[in-house]
Amino acid sequence: MITELSLENFKAFEKETFAFGRLNVLTGLNSSGKSSVIQAVRLVHEQKPLDGLGPLQEYVRSDCGGLSVQCAMHDKSILEFSYAKGEEHPQCGTPLSGIVSYISADRFGPKNSLPLHIDGYIQTVGARGENIVDFLSRLDGDWDVLRVPPVLVAKEGVGIKENIKEWLRTLSPGVDFHYEVYPHTDTGRTEFDKHRPVHVGFGLSYTLPIIAGVLVHAGQLAVNRETPILLLLENPEAHLHPSGQTKMGELLSLAASCGIQVIVETHSDHLVNGIRIAVKEGKLSPDDVKFYFFKSDNSGDSASVETISIDRYGMMDHWPDGFFDETEKNLMRLI
């Protein structure tokens, strides 16, 4: 588990340190540095420029000669990624161990077909959820020994596949989910209520990889506690009704209580409230939750971060201006 992340001259951060717990929530206005934190963790893990984000010199803070990202781990080791402008290659170090699952805000919506992989073992659902059918199909083989941890059980007496369906039903009551694989064409498909995904909307397709990833990875941890699992999530609330966003907050809290470390970027007060409710109901210790509120200056060249603590009743120790207070501000304008 990452206990601390340190950034130096990385994008909008001159020098910033984050103390991480089991569940880490990044919030704030657009273009204030939230995604940069997830990118920094991915850099340490992948030890190379990230796909689609350009050359490393574009990661370096303006007028600086290089960058450094360090992850302090629970075993006291330090993992680092550093780069100096003008270097042909970065100084490669040791990547994060275990399973690191990154699910992007740019994940697939409804697709009539999805790829299957024939060249290796699929450990995650993929950054865009593109591996979801391949990932789920392994429940018929490699992962048939996995069981849903009790706190994540949505329906007693059934396995992970049925619990994935039951968690989907918490978002869309009564929905039925199936998937099929076609090995001869290296494709698969999902189906909701016997309809193509394109006829059902975005919410279920956007959420399926998150639910499946959480339940399978939690099952893996229950079997082997020695392999750490880190889940990096961007906007898991996308296309969900407010009640579904609240349930997503609860799901991520339960995942953290099972031992998965979660770093989540969100714009949803409903998701945040789902986490607060989970803490109040004793499903997760407040000491395991870290909230970070990001702000940028008017130029966008510098970012600052404010830490918000939560108590066992789900109450914040303070409420900064701009931290999910837009509803109250709008209501005051309506009065």
Protein backbone atom coordinates (compact mmCIF):
# COMPACT_ATOMS: atom_id res chain seq x y z
CA MET A 1 0.00 0.00 0.00
CA ILE A 2 1.15 3.54 -0.76
CA THR A 3 1.40 5.50 2.47
CA GLU A 4 2.69 8.76 1.00
CA LEU A 5 3.00 10.36 -2.43
CA SER A 6 5.51 13.17 -2.96
CA LEU A 7 5.56 15.37 -6.05
CA GLU A 8 8.28 17.81 -7.03
CA ASN A 9 8.01 20.06 -10.10
CA PHE A 10 5.33 17.77 -11.49
CA LYS A 11 2.88 19.67 -13.70
CA ALA A 12 1.15 22.30 -11.50
CA PHE A 13 2.80 21.08 -8.27
CA GLU A 14 6.06 22.69 -7.16
CA LYS A 15 6.24 20.53 -4.07
CA GLU A 16 3.34 18.59 -2.55
CA THR A 17 2.93 15.55 -0.30
CA PHE A 18 -0.15 13.38 0.14
CA ALA A 19 -0.59 11.03 3.09
CA PHE A 20 -2.68 8.16 1.73
CA GLY A 21 -5.05 5.82 3.53
CA ARG A 22 -7.17 2.96 2.24
CA LEU A 23 -9.69 5.26 0.49
CA ASN A 24 -8.41 8.54 -0.93
CA VAL A 25 -10.83 11.03 -2.47
CA LEU A 26 -9.59 13.78 -4.81
CA THR A 27 -12.05 16.64 -5.34
CA GLY A 28 -11.97 20.20 -6.66
CA LEU A 29 -12.65 22.36 -9.66
CA ASN A 30 -11.74 21.29 -13.18
CA SER A 31 -8.06 21.55 -14.10
CA SER A 32 -6.94 21.86 -10.49
CA GLY A 33 -4.56 18.88 -10.35
CA LYS A 34 -6.69 15.87 -9.41
CA SER A 35 -5.93 13.82 -12.52
CA SER A 36 -2.26 14.74 -12.16
CA VAL A 37 -2.09 12.83 -8.89
CA ILE A 38 -3.41 9.67 -10.53
CA GLN A 39 -1.00 10.19 -13.44
CA ALA A 40 1.89 10.51 -11.00
CA VAL A 41 1.05 7.16 -9.38
CA ARG A 42 0.76 5.57 -12.82
CA LEU A 43 4.19 6.95 -13.76
CA VAL A 44 5.79 5.26 -10.77
CA HIS A 45 4.02 2.03 -11.65
CA GLU A 46 4.66 2.02 -15.41
CA GLN A 47 8.11 3.70 -15.33
CA LYS A 48 7.58 5.23 -18.77
CA PRO A 49 5.59 8.03 -20.44
CA LEU A 50 1.87 7.40 -20.24
CA ASP A 51 -0.01 6.56 -23.40
CA GLY A 52 -1.62 9.57 -25.02
CA LEU A 53 -0.08 12.21 -22.72
CA GLY A 54 2.85 13.29 -24.84
CA PRO A 55 6.60 13.43 -24.04
CA LEU A 56 7.86 13.62 -20.47
CA GLN A 57 9.03 17.23 -20.87
CA GLU A 58 5.34 18.21 -20.90
CA TYR A 59 4.94 16.77 -17.38
CA VAL A 60 7.60 19.09 -15.97
CA ARG A 61 6.47 22.24 -14.19
CA SER A 62 7.12 25.46 -16.11
CA ASP A 63 10.69 26.82 -15.86
CA CYS A 64 11.97 23.71 -14.06
CA GLY A 65 14.68 21.33 -15.18
CA GLY A 66 13.05 18.07 -14.20
CA LEU A 67 10.52 16.26 -12.04
CA SER A 68 10.42 13.69 -9.28
CA VAL A 69 7.58 11.46 -8.07
CA GLN A 70 8.06 9.27 -5.01
CA CYS A 71 5.78 6.67 -3.43
CA ALA A 72 6.52 5.68 0.17
CA MET A 73 5.22 2.16 0.74
CA HIS A 74 3.89 0.43 3.84
CA ASP A 75 7.10 -1.60 4.11
CA LYS A 76 9.11 1.68 4.33
CA SER A 77 10.54 1.31 0.82
CA ILE A 78 10.57 4.28 -1.58
CA LEU A 79 9.63 3.85 -5.23
CA GLU A 80 10.51 6.70 -7.55
CA PHE A 81 10.15 8.04 -11.07
CA SER A 82 12.38 10.95 -12.06
CA TYR A 83 13.17 12.76 -15.26
CA ALA A 84 15.42 15.66 -16.22
CA LYS A 85 14.78 17.73 -19.33
CA GLY A 86 17.14 16.78 -22.10
CA GLU A 87 17.41 13.14 -21.02
CA GLU A 88 16.71 10.69 -23.78
CA HIS A 89 15.17 8.23 -21.32
CA PRO A 90 13.84 8.56 -17.74
CA GLN A 91 15.68 7.08 -14.81
CA CYS A 92 13.75 3.83 -14.47
CA GLY A 93 13.14 2.40 -11.04
CA THR A 94 11.04 -0.35 -9.46
CA PRO A 95 7.34 -0.36 -10.38
CA LEU A 96 4.55 -0.83 -7.86
CA SER A 97 4.05 -4.46 -6.91
CA GLY A 98 0.79 -6.36 -7.02
CA ILE A 99 -2.20 -5.45 -9.19
CA VAL A 100 -2.71 -1.84 -10.25
CA SER A 101 -6.07 -1.27 -11.96
CA TYR A 102 -6.59 2.11 -13.61
CA ILE A 103 -10.09 2.90 -14.91
CA SER A 104 -10.22 6.12 -16.88
CA ALA A 105 -12.97 8.71 -17.14
CA ASP A 106 -12.64 8.02 -20.87
CA ARG A 107 -13.88 4.43 -20.51
CA PHE A 108 -16.11 2.74 -23.03
CA GLY A 109 -19.81 3.47 -23.05
CA PRO A 110 -22.26 1.04 -24.64
CA LYS A 111 -20.50 -1.18 -27.19
CA ASN A 112 -22.08 -3.96 -29.22
CA SER A 113 -18.81 -5.92 -29.17
CA LEU A 114 -15.60 -5.89 -27.14
CA PRO A 115 -12.16 -7.43 -27.78
CA LEU A 116 -10.87 -10.68 -26.33
CA HIS A 117 -7.16 -11.13 -25.68
CA ILE A 118 -5.38 -14.25 -26.82
CA ASP A 119 -1.83 -13.32 -25.85
CA GLY A 120 -1.77 -13.39 -22.07
CA TYR A 121 -3.46 -13.28 -18.71
CA ILE A 122 -5.85 -10.40 -18.12
CA GLN A 123 -5.47 -9.02 -14.58
CA THR A 124 -7.68 -5.93 -14.85
CA VAL A 125 -10.73 -4.66 -16.71
CA GLY A 126 -8.54 -2.22 -18.65
CA ALA A 127 -8.25 1.56 -18.56
CA ARG A 128 -11.37 1.97 -20.70
CA GLY A 129 -13.16 -1.14 -19.47
CA GLU A 130 -12.24 -2.74 -22.79
CA ASN A 131 -11.27 -6.04 -21.15
CA ILE A 132 -14.51 -6.51 -19.24
CA VAL A 133 -15.83 -9.56 -21.12
CA ASP A 134 -12.41 -11.23 -21.10
CA PHE A 135 -12.07 -10.37 -17.41
CA LEU A 136 -15.48 -11.81 -16.53
CA SER A 137 -15.03 -14.93 -18.63
CA ARG A 138 -12.21 -15.97 -16.31
CA LEU A 139 -14.81 -16.46 -13.59
CA ASP A 140 -15.60 -19.67 -15.47
CA GLY A 141 -12.04 -20.88 -15.07
CA ASP A 142 -9.07 -19.18 -13.45
CA TRP A 143 -11.14 -17.36 -10.85
CA ASP A 144 -13.69 -20.06 -10.03
CA VAL A 145 -12.24 -20.38 -6.51
CA LEU A 146 -12.97 -16.75 -5.64
CA ARG A 147 -15.71 -15.82 -3.20
CA VAL A 148 -17.23 -12.43 -2.47
CA PRO A 149 -16.10 -11.11 0.94
CA PRO A 150 -19.11 -10.97 3.31
CA VAL A 151 -19.28 -7.16 3.43
CA LEU A 152 -19.63 -7.02 -0.37
CA VAL A 153 -22.26 -9.74 -0.66
CA ALA A 154 -25.38 -8.33 -2.30
CA LYS A 155 -27.16 -11.68 -2.39
CA GLU A 156 -26.36 -14.59 -0.07
CA GLY A 157 -25.59 -18.02 -1.42
CA VAL A 158 -24.35 -17.02 -4.86
CA GLY A 159 -20.93 -16.41 -6.38
CA ILE A 160 -19.17 -13.40 -7.82
CA LYS A 161 -21.04 -13.49 -11.13
CA GLU A 162 -24.43 -13.27 -9.46
CA ASN A 163 -23.22 -10.64 -7.02
CA ILE A 164 -22.03 -8.49 -9.92
CA LYS A 165 -25.57 -8.71 -11.29
CA GLU A 166 -27.04 -7.86 -7.88
CA TRP A 167 -24.82 -4.80 -7.51
CA LEU A 168 -25.93 -3.65 -10.96
CA ARG A 169 -29.52 -4.03 -9.73
CA THR A 170 -28.81 -1.63 -6.87
CA LEU A 171 -28.24 0.96 -9.61
CA SER A 172 -31.04 -0.19 -11.93
CA PRO A 173 -33.57 -2.35 -10.04
CA GLY A 174 -34.57 -5.50 -11.88
CA VAL A 175 -31.93 -5.28 -14.61
CA ASP A 176 -30.56 -8.59 -15.88
CA PHE A 177 -27.01 -8.86 -17.20
CA HIS A 178 -25.33 -11.48 -19.39
CA TYR A 179 -22.14 -11.75 -21.42
CA GLU A 180 -20.95 -14.06 -24.15
CA VAL A 181 -17.56 -14.82 -25.71
CA TYR A 182 -16.79 -15.74 -29.31
CA PRO A 183 -13.24 -17.15 -29.27
CA HIS A 184 -13.07 -17.72 -33.02
CA THR A 185 -13.46 -14.00 -33.69
CA ASP A 186 -11.64 -12.76 -30.55
CA THR A 187 -14.70 -10.78 -29.48
CA GLY A 188 -17.28 -10.75 -26.73
CA ARG A 189 -20.51 -8.93 -25.96
CA THR A 190 -22.57 -7.77 -23.02
CA GLU A 191 -26.34 -7.70 -22.77
CA PHE A 192 -28.76 -5.95 -20.43
CA ASP A 193 -32.33 -7.23 -20.22
CA LYS A 194 -31.72 -9.10 -23.50
CA HIS A 195 -30.94 -5.80 -25.22
CA ARG A 196 -27.77 -4.55 -26.83
CA PRO A 197 -25.99 -2.09 -24.50
CA VAL A 198 -26.64 0.74 -26.96
CA HIS A 199 -30.36 0.43 -26.21
CA VAL A 200 -29.92 0.69 -22.44
CA GLY A 201 -27.91 3.89 -21.93
CA PHE A 202 -24.50 4.74 -20.58
CA GLY A 203 -24.77 4.23 -16.82
CA LEU A 204 -24.63 0.43 -16.65
CA SER A 205 -21.85 0.10 -19.23
CA TYR A 206 -19.80 2.78 -17.46
CA THR A 207 -20.29 1.15 -14.05
CA LEU A 208 -19.94 -2.55 -14.90
CA PRO A 209 -16.08 -2.52 -15.03
CA ILE A 210 -15.91 -0.85 -11.61
CA ILE A 211 -18.31 -3.27 -9.94
CA ALA A 212 -16.66 -6.30 -11.55
CA GLY A 213 -13.17 -5.08 -10.69
CA VAL A 214 -14.02 -4.40 -7.06
CA LEU A 215 -15.69 -7.77 -6.47
CA VAL A 216 -13.06 -9.86 -8.27
CA HIS A 217 -10.10 -8.02 -6.72
CA ALA A 218 -11.68 -8.25 -3.26
CA GLY A 219 -12.07 -11.99 -3.83
CA GLN A 220 -8.42 -12.22 -4.84
CA LEU A 221 -7.34 -10.44 -1.67
CA ALA A 222 -9.41 -12.82 0.43
CA VAL A 223 -7.44 -15.71 -1.10
CA ASN A 224 -4.01 -14.05 -1.01
CA ARG A 225 -3.38 -11.07 1.27
CA GLU A 226 0.25 -10.89 0.13
CA THR A 227 -0.58 -9.39 -3.28
CA PRO A 228 -1.54 -5.71 -2.85
CA ILE A 229 -4.26 -4.25 -5.06
CA LEU A 230 -4.51 -0.57 -6.00
CA LEU A 231 -7.58 0.80 -7.77
CA LEU A 232 -7.20 4.16 -9.55
CA LEU A 233 -10.60 5.57 -10.54
CA GLU A 234 -11.64 8.64 -12.48
CA ASN A 235 -15.23 9.82 -12.09
CA PRO A 236 -16.88 6.50 -11.17
CA GLU A 237 -20.17 8.38 -10.75
CA ALA A 238 -20.42 9.24 -14.47
CA HIS A 239 -23.92 8.74 -15.94
CA LEU A 240 -25.38 7.49 -12.65
CA HIS A 241 -28.53 8.75 -10.93
CA PRO A 242 -27.77 10.44 -7.58
CA SER A 243 -28.93 7.34 -5.69
CA GLY A 244 -26.52 5.25 -7.76
CA GLN A 245 -23.72 7.71 -7.04
CA THR A 246 -24.36 7.26 -3.33
CA LYS A 247 -24.23 3.47 -3.73
CA MET A 248 -20.94 3.86 -5.60
CA GLY A 249 -19.52 5.69 -2.57
CA GLU A 250 -20.62 2.78 -0.38
CA LEU A 251 -19.13 0.22 -2.78
CA LEU A 252 -15.74 1.95 -2.75
CA SER A 253 -15.85 2.16 1.04
CA LEU A 254 -16.52 -1.57 1.29
CA ALA A 255 -13.71 -2.25 -1.18
CA ALA A 256 -11.33 -0.29 1.03
CA SER A 257 -12.54 -2.15 4.12
CA CYS A 258 -11.57 -5.42 2.36
CA GLY A 259 -8.00 -4.19 1.86
CA ILE A 260 -8.09 -2.69 -1.63
CA GLN A 261 -6.40 0.70 -1.74
CA VAL A 262 -8.54 3.16 -3.71
CA ILE A 263 -7.58 6.55 -5.14
CA VAL A 264 -10.65 8.15 -6.69
CA GLU A 265 -11.20 11.43 -8.49
CA THR A 266 -14.79 12.65 -8.25
CA HIS A 267 -17.09 15.61 -8.82
CA SER A 268 -19.99 14.02 -6.95
CA ASP A 269 -21.22 15.14 -3.56
CA HIS A 270 -23.51 12.08 -3.60
CA LEU A 271 -20.52 9.74 -3.88
CA VAL A 272 -18.78 11.64 -1.07
CA ASN A 273 -21.92 11.34 1.06
CA GLY A 274 -22.05 7.61 0.35
CA ILE A 275 -18.56 7.35 1.85
CA ARG A 276 -19.57 9.48 4.84
CA ILE A 277 -22.61 7.27 5.45
CA ALA A 278 -20.48 4.13 5.24
CA VAL A 279 -18.15 5.57 7.88
CA LYS A 280 -21.05 6.55 10.14
CA GLU A 281 -22.50 3.04 9.82
CA GLY A 282 -19.17 1.52 10.88
CA LYS A 283 -18.35 -0.05 7.52
CA LEU A 284 -15.01 1.78 7.29
CA SER A 285 -12.84 3.51 9.87
CA PRO A 286 -12.57 7.30 9.47
CA ASP A 287 -8.80 6.88 9.83
CA ASP A 288 -8.79 4.96 6.54
CA VAL A 289 -10.39 7.85 4.58
CA LYS A 290 -8.51 10.87 3.22
CA PHE A 291 -10.24 13.77 1.44
CA TYR A 292 -8.20 16.22 -0.62
CA PHE A 293 -9.65 19.45 -2.03
CA PHE A 294 -7.73 20.95 -4.97
CA LYS A 295 -7.56 24.59 -6.02
CA SER A 296 -5.58 26.27 -8.79
CA ASP A 297 -4.49 29.87 -9.19
CA ASN A 298 -5.98 32.08 -11.89
CA SER A 299 -3.20 31.25 -14.34
CA GLY A 300 -3.62 27.50 -13.92
CA ASP A 301 0.15 27.13 -13.47
CA SER A 302 0.03 26.32 -9.75
CA ALA A 303 -2.17 24.05 -7.65
CA SER A 304 -2.72 23.90 -3.91
CA VAL A 305 -4.30 21.13 -1.86
CA GLU A 306 -6.31 21.22 1.35
CA THR A 307 -6.80 18.13 3.54
CA ILE A 308 -10.24 17.50 5.05
CA SER A 309 -10.64 15.00 7.88
CA ILE A 310 -13.75 12.98 8.73
CA ASP A 311 -14.90 11.70 12.12
CA ARG A 312 -16.70 8.47 13.01
CA TYR A 313 -20.05 10.17 12.52
CA GLY A 314 -19.20 11.04 8.91
CA MET A 315 -18.77 14.75 9.73
CA MET A 316 -16.05 16.85 8.10
CA ASP A 317 -13.70 18.82 10.33
CA HIS A 318 -14.21 21.87 8.06
CA TRP A 319 -15.93 22.76 4.80
CA PRO A 320 -13.84 24.97 2.48
CA ASP A 321 -15.47 27.36 0.07
CA GLY A 322 -16.07 25.49 -3.19
CA PHE A 323 -16.12 22.05 -1.60
CA PHE A 324 -19.50 20.64 -2.72
CA ASP A 325 -21.38 23.72 -1.53
CA GLU A 326 -22.97 24.70 -4.85
CA THR A 327 -26.43 23.40 -3.85
CA GLU A 328 -26.51 25.65 -0.79
CA LYS A 329 -25.22 28.61 -2.80
CA ASN A 330 -27.87 28.12 -5.47
CA LEU A 331 -30.64 27.75 -2.93
CA MET A 332 -29.60 31.02 -1.31
CA ARG A 333 -29.93 32.70 -4.72
CA LEU A 334 -33.43 31.21 -5.10
CA ILE A 335 -34.70 32.33 -1.71
